[in-house]
Amino acid sequence: MKTDKDWKEQLSPKVYHVLREKGTERAFTGKYDNHFEKGVYACAGCGSELFESASKFNSHCGWPAFDAANESKVREEKDISHGMIRVEILCSNCGGHLGHVFTDGPTKTGVRYCVNSLSLDFKKS
């Protein structure tokens, strides 16, 4: 496991804020919001492959949305911050904050993984 100092040296301040301090980028500002190339979305902190491009859809919420995750790579935790009860999603490998998962998805899975672009890297296939 990396120290906080290691993460600060590796990540830009904005990516550090999202991944390590559970921050959220402003809606409609992330580079992967309207990105629909074929490939894999990986953790920006450790490179763990989290979401397949086939599971990405346009939710019009301002953040990248997926209807499925690589279950062994994404873990869920209860989040009661900001006066809300939500389910936070984190990278199982490095613990980086990715976003939240909701049960309002329009696809057959019924879920919407709402993810910060800053928490992701894209590997084109």
Protein backbone atom coordinates (compact mmCIF):
# COMPACT_ATOMS: atom_id res chain seq x y z
CA MET A 1 0.00 0.00 0.00
CA LYS A 2 1.15 3.48 -0.84
CA THR A 3 1.47 6.26 1.68
CA ASP A 4 -0.40 9.52 1.36
CA LYS A 5 2.90 11.12 0.30
CA ASP A 6 3.33 8.50 -2.44
CA TRP A 7 -0.17 9.19 -3.79
CA LYS A 8 0.44 12.96 -3.79
CA GLU A 9 3.62 12.43 -5.80
CA GLN A 10 1.92 10.10 -8.30
CA LEU A 11 -1.41 11.87 -8.89
CA SER A 12 -2.34 15.36 -10.03
CA PRO A 13 -4.02 17.46 -7.31
CA LYS A 14 -7.46 17.03 -8.94
CA VAL A 15 -7.13 13.26 -9.31
CA TYR A 16 -5.76 13.00 -5.77
CA HIS A 17 -8.78 14.94 -4.45
CA VAL A 18 -11.24 12.53 -6.11
CA LEU A 19 -9.43 9.22 -5.53
CA ARG A 20 -7.95 9.78 -2.08
CA GLU A 21 -10.19 12.47 -0.52
CA LYS A 22 -13.52 11.22 -1.94
CA GLY A 23 -14.05 14.35 -4.00
CA THR A 24 -16.43 14.84 -6.91
CA GLU A 25 -15.71 16.58 -10.17
CA ARG A 26 -18.28 19.08 -11.47
CA ALA A 27 -21.01 17.54 -13.62
CA PHE A 28 -20.48 17.63 -17.40
CA THR A 29 -16.75 18.49 -17.07
CA GLY A 30 -15.16 15.04 -17.18
CA LYS A 31 -13.42 13.77 -20.31
CA TYR A 32 -15.23 10.41 -20.21
CA ASP A 33 -18.79 11.69 -19.79
CA ASN A 34 -19.57 11.53 -23.54
CA HIS A 35 -16.79 9.10 -24.45
CA PHE A 36 -17.93 5.90 -26.18
CA GLU A 37 -14.87 4.23 -27.71
CA LYS A 38 -14.36 0.48 -27.40
CA GLY A 39 -12.05 -0.51 -24.56
CA VAL A 40 -11.72 -0.76 -20.80
CA TYR A 41 -11.97 1.91 -18.11
CA ALA A 42 -9.33 1.42 -15.44
CA CYS A 43 -8.54 2.98 -12.07
CA ALA A 44 -6.45 6.14 -12.51
CA GLY A 45 -4.56 5.25 -9.34
CA CYS A 46 -3.50 1.65 -9.90
CA GLY A 47 -4.62 0.61 -13.39
CA SER A 48 -7.05 -2.07 -12.22
CA GLU A 49 -9.63 -2.73 -14.97
CA LEU A 50 -13.02 -1.66 -13.59
CA PHE A 51 -15.59 -1.23 -16.37
CA GLU A 52 -15.96 -2.53 -19.94
CA SER A 53 -16.98 0.02 -22.57
CA ALA A 54 -19.94 -2.22 -23.52
CA SER A 55 -21.50 -1.43 -20.12
CA LYS A 56 -21.26 2.37 -20.58
CA PHE A 57 -24.38 4.37 -21.42
CA ASN A 58 -25.38 8.02 -21.60
CA SER A 59 -27.33 8.71 -18.41
CA HIS A 60 -27.42 12.50 -19.00
CA CYS A 61 -26.36 12.97 -15.35
CA GLY A 62 -23.02 14.64 -16.15
CA TRP A 63 -20.71 11.78 -15.18
CA PRO A 64 -19.72 8.55 -16.92
CA ALA A 65 -22.34 5.87 -16.23
CA PHE A 66 -22.07 2.09 -16.45
CA ASP A 67 -24.68 -0.61 -15.90
CA ALA A 68 -22.15 -3.25 -14.79
CA ALA A 69 -18.76 -3.35 -13.11
CA ASN A 70 -16.00 -5.90 -12.87
CA GLU A 71 -17.33 -7.23 -9.56
CA SER A 72 -13.95 -8.45 -8.33
CA LYS A 73 -12.41 -5.00 -8.97
CA VAL A 74 -15.11 -2.66 -7.62
CA ARG A 75 -16.32 -2.78 -4.02
CA GLU A 76 -19.27 -1.05 -2.41
CA GLU A 77 -19.55 0.69 0.96
CA LYS A 78 -22.36 2.57 2.69
CA ASP A 79 -21.84 6.35 2.47
CA ILE A 80 -23.73 8.63 4.87
CA SER A 81 -21.84 11.83 4.04
CA HIS A 82 -23.46 15.14 3.07
CA GLY A 83 -26.76 14.24 4.76
CA MET A 84 -27.50 11.45 2.28
CA ILE A 85 -27.50 7.67 2.36
CA ARG A 86 -25.76 6.30 -0.74
CA VAL A 87 -23.58 3.43 -1.85
CA GLU A 88 -20.01 4.49 -2.59
CA ILE A 89 -17.93 2.55 -5.11
CA LEU A 90 -14.20 2.08 -4.63
CA CYS A 91 -11.37 0.35 -6.45
CA SER A 92 -10.91 -3.01 -4.69
CA ASN A 93 -7.18 -2.92 -5.36
CA CYS A 94 -6.10 0.53 -4.13
CA GLY A 95 -9.20 1.79 -2.31
CA GLY A 96 -9.60 4.81 -4.59
CA HIS A 97 -12.98 6.57 -4.56
CA LEU A 98 -14.73 6.14 -7.92
CA GLY A 99 -18.22 7.53 -7.31
CA HIS A 100 -21.56 5.98 -6.32
CA VAL A 101 -23.94 3.29 -7.54
CA PHE A 102 -27.69 3.83 -7.79
CA THR A 103 -30.64 1.54 -8.48
CA ASP A 104 -32.26 3.87 -11.02
CA GLY A 105 -30.50 2.59 -14.13
CA PRO A 106 -32.51 2.50 -17.36
CA THR A 107 -30.94 -0.71 -18.68
CA LYS A 108 -31.91 -4.29 -17.86
CA THR A 109 -29.46 -4.42 -14.91
CA GLY A 110 -31.33 -1.58 -13.19
CA VAL A 111 -28.11 -0.10 -11.80
CA ARG A 112 -26.17 3.04 -12.64
CA TYR A 113 -22.54 3.25 -11.61
CA CYS A 114 -21.96 7.01 -11.59
CA VAL A 115 -18.20 7.51 -11.85
CA ASN A 116 -15.88 10.50 -11.78
CA SER A 117 -13.86 10.78 -15.01
CA LEU A 118 -10.87 11.83 -12.91
CA SER A 119 -10.87 8.43 -11.22
CA LEU A 120 -10.52 6.66 -14.58
CA ASP A 121 -8.02 5.96 -17.32
CA PHE A 122 -9.11 4.47 -20.65
CA LYS A 123 -7.43 1.58 -22.44
CA LYS A 124 -8.52 1.45 -26.08
CA SER A 125 -9.01 -1.98 -27.63
